[in-house]
Amino acid sequence: MVKVYFRLYRGWKRLNKDTRRQVKQYLLSQRRADGYLNAGGQVDAYYTQFGRVLEAVISPVKVIWLPKKPLIVKESLGRDTVYGQFFAFLTGESYSMPSPTSYLSDTSRLTTTAACCLITMQHQTGKPTDPVLLDWLKARQDVTGGFRASEVAPIPDLLSTAVALFALWLIGERPLPAARFIEGHWHEKGSFCPTLLDDYSDVEYLFYGLLAIGSEVDNEE
């Protein structure tokens, strides 16, 4: 989780002064006394997690991580999914690492998010990255620099791009540049859109936008 935070902070520092001001204003506009708003305008515990982390990124006076506090997973994901297990992994809860083999035997079931979670868990537990899984993930990047969510996804999206760039940075891989792709998803309100077909933003996608910017590898790394 700390590595995610520092990639977010790196993304924040890469923004120019005017853009940081817009981001701060947007984040403040989404905050309520009891949490942060979701895309539908309702206070939502899941989205509040992203808002709280972004607060720490933007105002890093003192960051206190609470590893035993469970993260909230969207109901549509569930803790029996790879993503749910990844959330449990982040907070030190008991979990059983899913086997990549079960997904690679039928890659139509595999998603970019799941692949990144598996690669991250393998790395953090000292296991070698499965080469077939890595090749599958790298094949999801298209010429724009963005990553598609699956083998059949019609266009790349910001969430898949952010988590892919982070996972590949973590294991020392250098994918195609994605800066222009990320910039294309900037929303004038001060956040980022999920895809180029969307015209809305929320605190979750602000999180992914900064993570993507911060995970882009440059010549200094």
C-alpha atoms as a PDB file:
ATOM      1  CA  MET A   1       0.000   0.000   0.000  1.00  0.00           C
ATOM      2  CA  VAL A   2       2.874   2.372   0.754  1.00  0.00           C
ATOM      3  CA  LYS A   3       4.297   1.831  -2.742  1.00  0.00           C
ATOM      4  CA  VAL A   4       0.911   2.763  -4.207  1.00  0.00           C
ATOM      5  CA  TYR A   5       0.896   5.912  -2.087  1.00  0.00           C
ATOM      6  CA  PHE A   6       4.320   7.041  -3.298  1.00  0.00           C
ATOM      7  CA  ARG A   7       3.356   6.447  -6.941  1.00  0.00           C
ATOM      8  CA  LEU A   8       0.249   8.570  -6.334  1.00  0.00           C
ATOM      9  CA  TYR A   9       2.360  11.275  -4.725  1.00  0.00           C
ATOM     10  CA  ARG A  10       4.758  11.167  -7.667  1.00  0.00           C
ATOM     11  CA  GLY A  11       1.803  11.621 -10.005  1.00  0.00           C
ATOM     12  CA  TRP A  12       0.568  14.568  -7.951  1.00  0.00           C
ATOM     13  CA  LYS A  13       3.972  16.252  -8.032  1.00  0.00           C
ATOM     14  CA  ARG A  14       4.146  15.854 -11.802  1.00  0.00           C
ATOM     15  CA  LEU A  15       1.069  18.052 -12.255  1.00  0.00           C
ATOM     16  CA  ASN A  16       1.593  21.733 -12.901  1.00  0.00           C
ATOM     17  CA  LYS A  17       0.429  24.349 -10.416  1.00  0.00           C
ATOM     18  CA  ASP A  18      -2.881  25.128 -12.157  1.00  0.00           C
ATOM     19  CA  THR A  19      -3.771  21.461 -12.526  1.00  0.00           C
ATOM     20  CA  ARG A  20      -3.048  20.776  -8.859  1.00  0.00           C
ATOM     21  CA  ARG A  21      -5.347  23.638  -7.950  1.00  0.00           C
ATOM     22  CA  GLN A  22      -8.135  22.128 -10.094  1.00  0.00           C
ATOM     23  CA  VAL A  23      -7.619  18.715  -8.514  1.00  0.00           C
ATOM     24  CA  LYS A  24      -7.805  20.161  -4.992  1.00  0.00           C
ATOM     25  CA  GLN A  25     -11.009  22.007  -5.839  1.00  0.00           C
ATOM     26  CA  TYR A  26     -12.547  18.900  -7.358  1.00  0.00           C
ATOM     27  CA  LEU A  27     -11.632  16.726  -4.377  1.00  0.00           C
ATOM     28  CA  LEU A  28     -13.119  19.292  -1.987  1.00  0.00           C
ATOM     29  CA  SER A  29     -16.317  19.412  -4.061  1.00  0.00           C
ATOM     30  CA  GLN A  30     -16.762  15.655  -3.631  1.00  0.00           C
ATOM     31  CA  ARG A  31     -16.280  15.650   0.133  1.00  0.00           C
ATOM     32  CA  ARG A  32     -19.078  15.651   2.665  1.00  0.00           C
ATOM     33  CA  ALA A  33     -19.007  15.480   6.442  1.00  0.00           C
ATOM     34  CA  ASP A  34     -19.559  11.712   6.388  1.00  0.00           C
ATOM     35  CA  GLY A  35     -17.473  10.750   3.356  1.00  0.00           C
ATOM     36  CA  TYR A  36     -17.012  11.121  -0.376  1.00  0.00           C
ATOM     37  CA  LEU A  37     -19.553  10.997  -3.183  1.00  0.00           C
ATOM     38  CA  ASN A  38     -19.769   8.270  -5.776  1.00  0.00           C
ATOM     39  CA  ALA A  39     -20.458   8.891  -9.456  1.00  0.00           C
ATOM     40  CA  GLY A  40     -24.182   9.049  -8.651  1.00  0.00           C
ATOM     41  CA  GLY A  41     -23.739  11.835  -6.114  1.00  0.00           C
ATOM     42  CA  GLN A  42     -24.276   9.703  -2.997  1.00  0.00           C
ATOM     43  CA  VAL A  43     -21.893   9.310  -0.045  1.00  0.00           C
ATOM     44  CA  ASP A  44     -20.288   5.922  -0.541  1.00  0.00           C
ATOM     45  CA  ALA A  45     -17.872   4.033   1.749  1.00  0.00           C
ATOM     46  CA  TYR A  46     -16.039   2.494  -1.200  1.00  0.00           C
ATOM     47  CA  TYR A  47     -15.385   5.874  -2.835  1.00  0.00           C
ATOM     48  CA  THR A  48     -14.529   7.406   0.529  1.00  0.00           C
ATOM     49  CA  GLN A  49     -11.477   5.127   0.696  1.00  0.00           C
ATOM     50  CA  PHE A  50     -10.119   6.712  -2.473  1.00  0.00           C
ATOM     51  CA  GLY A  51     -10.916  10.195  -1.214  1.00  0.00           C
ATOM     52  CA  ARG A  52      -9.077   9.658   2.073  1.00  0.00           C
ATOM     53  CA  VAL A  53      -5.973   8.363   0.326  1.00  0.00           C
ATOM     54  CA  LEU A  54      -6.034  11.321  -2.060  1.00  0.00           C
ATOM     55  CA  GLU A  55      -6.279  13.679   0.931  1.00  0.00           C
ATOM     56  CA  ALA A  56      -3.067  12.156   2.278  1.00  0.00           C
ATOM     57  CA  VAL A  57      -1.392  12.487  -1.126  1.00  0.00           C
ATOM     58  CA  ILE A  58      -2.334  16.130  -1.562  1.00  0.00           C
ATOM     59  CA  SER A  59      -1.607  17.115   2.068  1.00  0.00           C
ATOM     60  CA  PRO A  60       1.069  14.645   3.235  1.00  0.00           C
ATOM     61  CA  VAL A  61       1.646  16.125   6.696  1.00  0.00           C
ATOM     62  CA  LYS A  62       1.540  12.723   8.320  1.00  0.00           C
ATOM     63  CA  VAL A  63       0.300   9.485   6.784  1.00  0.00           C
ATOM     64  CA  ILE A  64      -0.838   6.792   9.210  1.00  0.00           C
ATOM     65  CA  TRP A  65      -1.597   3.442   7.620  1.00  0.00           C
ATOM     66  CA  LEU A  66      -4.000   1.116   9.394  1.00  0.00           C
ATOM     67  CA  PRO A  67      -3.117  -2.296   7.952  1.00  0.00           C
ATOM     68  CA  LYS A  68      -5.682  -4.189  10.020  1.00  0.00           C
ATOM     69  CA  LYS A  69      -8.572  -2.001   8.970  1.00  0.00           C
ATOM     70  CA  PRO A  70     -10.419  -3.845   6.179  1.00  0.00           C
ATOM     71  CA  LEU A  71     -10.805  -2.128   2.846  1.00  0.00           C
ATOM     72  CA  ILE A  72     -14.269  -2.087   1.381  1.00  0.00           C
ATOM     73  CA  VAL A  73     -14.724  -3.910  -1.904  1.00  0.00           C
ATOM     74  CA  LYS A  74     -17.530  -3.102  -4.297  1.00  0.00           C
ATOM     75  CA  GLU A  75     -20.376  -5.600  -3.940  1.00  0.00           C
ATOM     76  CA  SER A  76     -20.041  -6.437  -7.630  1.00  0.00           C
ATOM     77  CA  LEU A  77     -16.446  -7.583  -7.048  1.00  0.00           C
ATOM     78  CA  GLY A  78     -16.743  -9.626  -3.880  1.00  0.00           C
ATOM     79  CA  ARG A  79     -13.963 -10.990  -1.703  1.00  0.00           C
ATOM     80  CA  ASP A  80     -13.946 -14.291  -3.554  1.00  0.00           C
ATOM     81  CA  THR A  81     -12.550 -12.576  -6.670  1.00  0.00           C
ATOM     82  CA  VAL A  82      -8.884 -11.905  -7.406  1.00  0.00           C
ATOM     83  CA  TYR A  83      -9.505  -8.200  -6.814  1.00  0.00           C
ATOM     84  CA  GLY A  84     -11.181  -8.942  -3.492  1.00  0.00           C
ATOM     85  CA  GLN A  85      -8.263 -11.127  -2.460  1.00  0.00           C
ATOM     86  CA  PHE A  86      -5.902  -8.321  -3.468  1.00  0.00           C
ATOM     87  CA  PHE A  87      -7.704  -5.919  -1.118  1.00  0.00           C
ATOM     88  CA  ALA A  88      -7.360  -8.493   1.654  1.00  0.00           C
ATOM     89  CA  PHE A  89      -3.668  -8.841   0.781  1.00  0.00           C
ATOM     90  CA  LEU A  90      -3.155  -5.066   1.042  1.00  0.00           C
ATOM     91  CA  THR A  91      -4.535  -4.942   4.574  1.00  0.00           C
ATOM     92  CA  GLY A  92      -2.815  -8.057   5.891  1.00  0.00           C
ATOM     93  CA  GLU A  93      -6.027 -10.048   6.217  1.00  0.00           C
ATOM     94  CA  SER A  94      -5.981 -13.807   5.695  1.00  0.00           C
ATOM     95  CA  TYR A  95      -6.162 -14.666   2.039  1.00  0.00           C
ATOM     96  CA  SER A  96      -5.331 -17.483  -0.349  1.00  0.00           C
ATOM     97  CA  MET A  97      -3.412 -16.373  -3.422  1.00  0.00           C
ATOM     98  CA  PRO A  98      -5.297 -17.399  -6.567  1.00  0.00           C
ATOM     99  CA  SER A  99      -3.347 -19.578  -8.959  1.00  0.00           C
ATOM    100  CA  PRO A 100      -2.493 -17.959 -12.307  1.00  0.00           C
ATOM    101  CA  THR A 101      -2.767 -21.383 -13.936  1.00  0.00           C
ATOM    102  CA  SER A 102      -6.512 -21.494 -13.388  1.00  0.00           C
ATOM    103  CA  TYR A 103      -6.873 -18.249 -15.339  1.00  0.00           C
ATOM    104  CA  LEU A 104      -4.272 -18.880 -18.025  1.00  0.00           C
ATOM    105  CA  SER A 105      -5.902 -22.164 -19.004  1.00  0.00           C
ATOM    106  CA  ASP A 106      -8.771 -20.033 -20.307  1.00  0.00           C
ATOM    107  CA  THR A 107      -7.585 -16.461 -20.822  1.00  0.00           C
ATOM    108  CA  SER A 108     -11.073 -15.351 -21.873  1.00  0.00           C
ATOM    109  CA  ARG A 109     -11.780 -15.316 -18.114  1.00  0.00           C
ATOM    110  CA  LEU A 110      -8.768 -13.149 -17.320  1.00  0.00           C
ATOM    111  CA  THR A 111      -8.933  -9.377 -16.861  1.00  0.00           C
ATOM    112  CA  THR A 112      -6.128  -6.847 -16.753  1.00  0.00           C
ATOM    113  CA  THR A 113      -7.033  -5.941 -13.187  1.00  0.00           C
ATOM    114  CA  ALA A 114      -6.853  -9.574 -12.084  1.00  0.00           C
ATOM    115  CA  ALA A 115      -3.534 -10.093 -13.882  1.00  0.00           C
ATOM    116  CA  CYS A 116      -2.059  -7.031 -12.158  1.00  0.00           C
ATOM    117  CA  CYS A 117      -3.264  -8.209  -8.757  1.00  0.00           C
ATOM    118  CA  LEU A 118      -1.661 -11.608  -9.311  1.00  0.00           C
ATOM    119  CA  ILE A 119       1.626 -10.095 -10.499  1.00  0.00           C
ATOM    120  CA  THR A 120       1.699  -7.701  -7.536  1.00  0.00           C
ATOM    121  CA  MET A 121       1.002 -10.447  -5.001  1.00  0.00           C
ATOM    122  CA  GLN A 122       3.659 -12.677  -6.583  1.00  0.00           C
ATOM    123  CA  HIS A 123       6.205  -9.876  -6.363  1.00  0.00           C
ATOM    124  CA  GLN A 124       5.388  -8.857  -2.791  1.00  0.00           C
ATOM    125  CA  THR A 125       5.612 -12.444  -1.559  1.00  0.00           C
ATOM    126  CA  GLY A 126       8.939 -13.080  -3.292  1.00  0.00           C
ATOM    127  CA  LYS A 127       7.582 -15.370  -5.989  1.00  0.00           C
ATOM    128  CA  PRO A 128       8.787 -15.020  -9.607  1.00  0.00           C
ATOM    129  CA  THR A 129       6.374 -13.418 -12.047  1.00  0.00           C
ATOM    130  CA  ASP A 130       4.628 -15.999 -14.191  1.00  0.00           C
ATOM    131  CA  PRO A 131       6.044 -15.318 -17.709  1.00  0.00           C
ATOM    132  CA  VAL A 132       2.832 -16.307 -19.480  1.00  0.00           C
ATOM    133  CA  LEU A 133       0.834 -13.971 -17.237  1.00  0.00           C
ATOM    134  CA  LEU A 134       3.308 -11.166 -17.918  1.00  0.00           C
ATOM    135  CA  ASP A 135       3.140 -11.687 -21.687  1.00  0.00           C
ATOM    136  CA  TRP A 136      -0.649 -11.680 -21.527  1.00  0.00           C
ATOM    137  CA  LEU A 137      -0.656  -8.375 -19.631  1.00  0.00           C
ATOM    138  CA  LYS A 138       1.836  -6.693 -21.971  1.00  0.00           C
ATOM    139  CA  ALA A 139      -0.298  -7.758 -24.949  1.00  0.00           C
ATOM    140  CA  ARG A 140      -3.221  -5.751 -23.545  1.00  0.00           C
ATOM    141  CA  GLN A 141      -1.429  -2.442 -24.241  1.00  0.00           C
ATOM    142  CA  ASP A 142      -2.374  -0.885 -27.549  1.00  0.00           C
ATOM    143  CA  VAL A 143      -0.568   1.688 -29.694  1.00  0.00           C
ATOM    144  CA  THR A 144      -2.061   4.620 -27.746  1.00  0.00           C
ATOM    145  CA  GLY A 145      -0.252   3.455 -24.619  1.00  0.00           C
ATOM    146  CA  GLY A 146      -3.481   2.517 -22.854  1.00  0.00           C
ATOM    147  CA  PHE A 147      -4.359  -0.972 -21.644  1.00  0.00           C
ATOM    148  CA  ARG A 148      -7.564  -2.841 -22.444  1.00  0.00           C
ATOM    149  CA  ALA A 149      -9.488  -4.534 -19.648  1.00  0.00           C
ATOM    150  CA  SER A 150      -9.547  -7.943 -21.353  1.00  0.00           C
ATOM    151  CA  GLU A 151      -8.921  -9.739 -24.621  1.00  0.00           C
ATOM    152  CA  VAL A 152     -12.303  -8.621 -25.936  1.00  0.00           C
ATOM    153  CA  ALA A 153     -12.524  -5.073 -24.528  1.00  0.00           C
ATOM    154  CA  PRO A 154     -13.132  -2.687 -27.447  1.00  0.00           C
ATOM    155  CA  ILE A 155     -11.011   0.219 -26.174  1.00  0.00           C
ATOM    156  CA  PRO A 156      -8.404   0.823 -23.462  1.00  0.00           C
ATOM    157  CA  ASP A 157      -9.506   2.426 -20.196  1.00  0.00           C
ATOM    158  CA  LEU A 158      -7.868   4.438 -17.440  1.00  0.00           C
ATOM    159  CA  LEU A 159      -8.353   1.929 -14.611  1.00  0.00           C
ATOM    160  CA  SER A 160      -6.695  -0.898 -16.543  1.00  0.00           C
ATOM    161  CA  THR A 161      -3.918   1.437 -17.650  1.00  0.00           C
ATOM    162  CA  ALA A 162      -3.189   2.681 -14.128  1.00  0.00           C
ATOM    163  CA  VAL A 163      -2.991  -0.737 -12.505  1.00  0.00           C
ATOM    164  CA  ALA A 164      -1.000  -2.187 -15.425  1.00  0.00           C
ATOM    165  CA  LEU A 165       1.556   0.622 -15.330  1.00  0.00           C
ATOM    166  CA  PHE A 166       1.889   0.213 -11.565  1.00  0.00           C
ATOM    167  CA  ALA A 167       2.316  -3.576 -11.706  1.00  0.00           C
ATOM    168  CA  LEU A 168       4.840  -3.360 -14.543  1.00  0.00           C
ATOM    169  CA  TRP A 169       6.799  -0.629 -12.751  1.00  0.00           C
ATOM    170  CA  LEU A 170       6.854  -2.801  -9.640  1.00  0.00           C
ATOM    171  CA  ILE A 171       8.611  -5.648 -11.444  1.00  0.00           C
ATOM    172  CA  GLY A 172      10.925  -3.426 -13.478  1.00  0.00           C
ATOM    173  CA  GLU A 173       9.208  -3.645 -16.863  1.00  0.00           C
ATOM    174  CA  ARG A 174       9.084  -0.714 -19.298  1.00  0.00           C
ATOM    175  CA  PRO A 175       5.864  -0.646 -21.347  1.00  0.00           C
ATOM    176  CA  LEU A 176       5.091   1.782 -24.171  1.00  0.00           C
ATOM    177  CA  PRO A 177       4.734   5.451 -23.102  1.00  0.00           C
ATOM    178  CA  ALA A 178       1.189   6.257 -21.966  1.00  0.00           C
ATOM    179  CA  ALA A 179       1.410   9.962 -21.073  1.00  0.00           C
ATOM    180  CA  ARG A 180      -0.684  11.171 -24.014  1.00  0.00           C
ATOM    181  CA  PHE A 181      -3.294   8.483 -23.376  1.00  0.00           C
ATOM    182  CA  ILE A 182      -3.597   9.540 -19.726  1.00  0.00           C
ATOM    183  CA  GLU A 183      -3.757  13.225 -20.633  1.00  0.00           C
ATOM    184  CA  GLY A 184      -6.584  12.482 -23.063  1.00  0.00           C
ATOM    185  CA  HIS A 185      -8.723  11.305 -20.135  1.00  0.00           C
ATOM    186  CA  TRP A 186      -8.368  14.541 -18.173  1.00  0.00           C
ATOM    187  CA  HIS A 187     -11.752  16.015 -17.257  1.00  0.00           C
ATOM    188  CA  GLU A 188     -12.151  19.785 -17.060  1.00  0.00           C
ATOM    189  CA  LYS A 189     -13.738  19.458 -13.605  1.00  0.00           C
ATOM    190  CA  GLY A 190     -10.378  18.431 -12.171  1.00  0.00           C
ATOM    191  CA  SER A 191     -10.407  14.649 -12.396  1.00  0.00           C
ATOM    192  CA  PHE A 192     -10.230  11.943 -15.072  1.00  0.00           C
ATOM    193  CA  CYS A 193     -12.763  10.067 -17.204  1.00  0.00           C
ATOM    194  CA  PRO A 194     -12.896   6.245 -17.241  1.00  0.00           C
ATOM    195  CA  THR A 195     -12.669   6.049 -21.046  1.00  0.00           C
ATOM    196  CA  LEU A 196     -12.680   8.415 -24.003  1.00  0.00           C
ATOM    197  CA  LEU A 197     -16.362   7.545 -24.469  1.00  0.00           C
ATOM    198  CA  ASP A 198     -17.285   8.833 -21.000  1.00  0.00           C
ATOM    199  CA  ASP A 199     -17.922  12.405 -19.916  1.00  0.00           C
ATOM    200  CA  TYR A 200     -17.938  12.050 -16.141  1.00  0.00           C
ATOM    201  CA  SER A 201     -15.389  11.674 -13.390  1.00  0.00           C
ATOM    202  CA  ASP A 202     -15.257  10.710  -9.713  1.00  0.00           C
ATOM    203  CA  VAL A 203     -12.715  10.359  -6.908  1.00  0.00           C
ATOM    204  CA  GLU A 204     -11.934   6.758  -7.867  1.00  0.00           C
ATOM    205  CA  TYR A 205     -10.814   7.837 -11.325  1.00  0.00           C
ATOM    206  CA  LEU A 206      -8.871  10.754  -9.903  1.00  0.00           C
ATOM    207  CA  PHE A 207      -6.992   8.095  -7.926  1.00  0.00           C
ATOM    208  CA  TYR A 208      -6.352   6.051 -11.076  1.00  0.00           C
ATOM    209  CA  GLY A 209      -5.294   9.115 -13.046  1.00  0.00           C
ATOM    210  CA  LEU A 210      -2.645  10.063 -10.500  1.00  0.00           C
ATOM    211  CA  LEU A 211      -1.527   6.443 -10.146  1.00  0.00           C
ATOM    212  CA  ALA A 212      -1.100   6.179 -13.913  1.00  0.00           C
ATOM    213  CA  ILE A 213       0.906   9.419 -14.102  1.00  0.00           C
ATOM    214  CA  GLY A 214       3.066   8.413 -11.154  1.00  0.00           C
ATOM    215  CA  SER A 215       3.720   4.911 -12.508  1.00  0.00           C
ATOM    216  CA  GLU A 216       4.980   6.108 -15.876  1.00  0.00           C
ATOM    217  CA  VAL A 217       8.679   5.255 -16.002  1.00  0.00           C
ATOM    218  CA  ASP A 218      11.075   7.942 -17.215  1.00  0.00           C
ATOM    219  CA  ASN A 219      14.778   7.958 -18.044  1.00  0.00           C
ATOM    220  CA  GLU A 220      15.652   8.788 -14.438  1.00  0.00           C
ATOM    221  CA  GLU A 221      14.433   5.398 -13.204  1.00  0.00           C
END
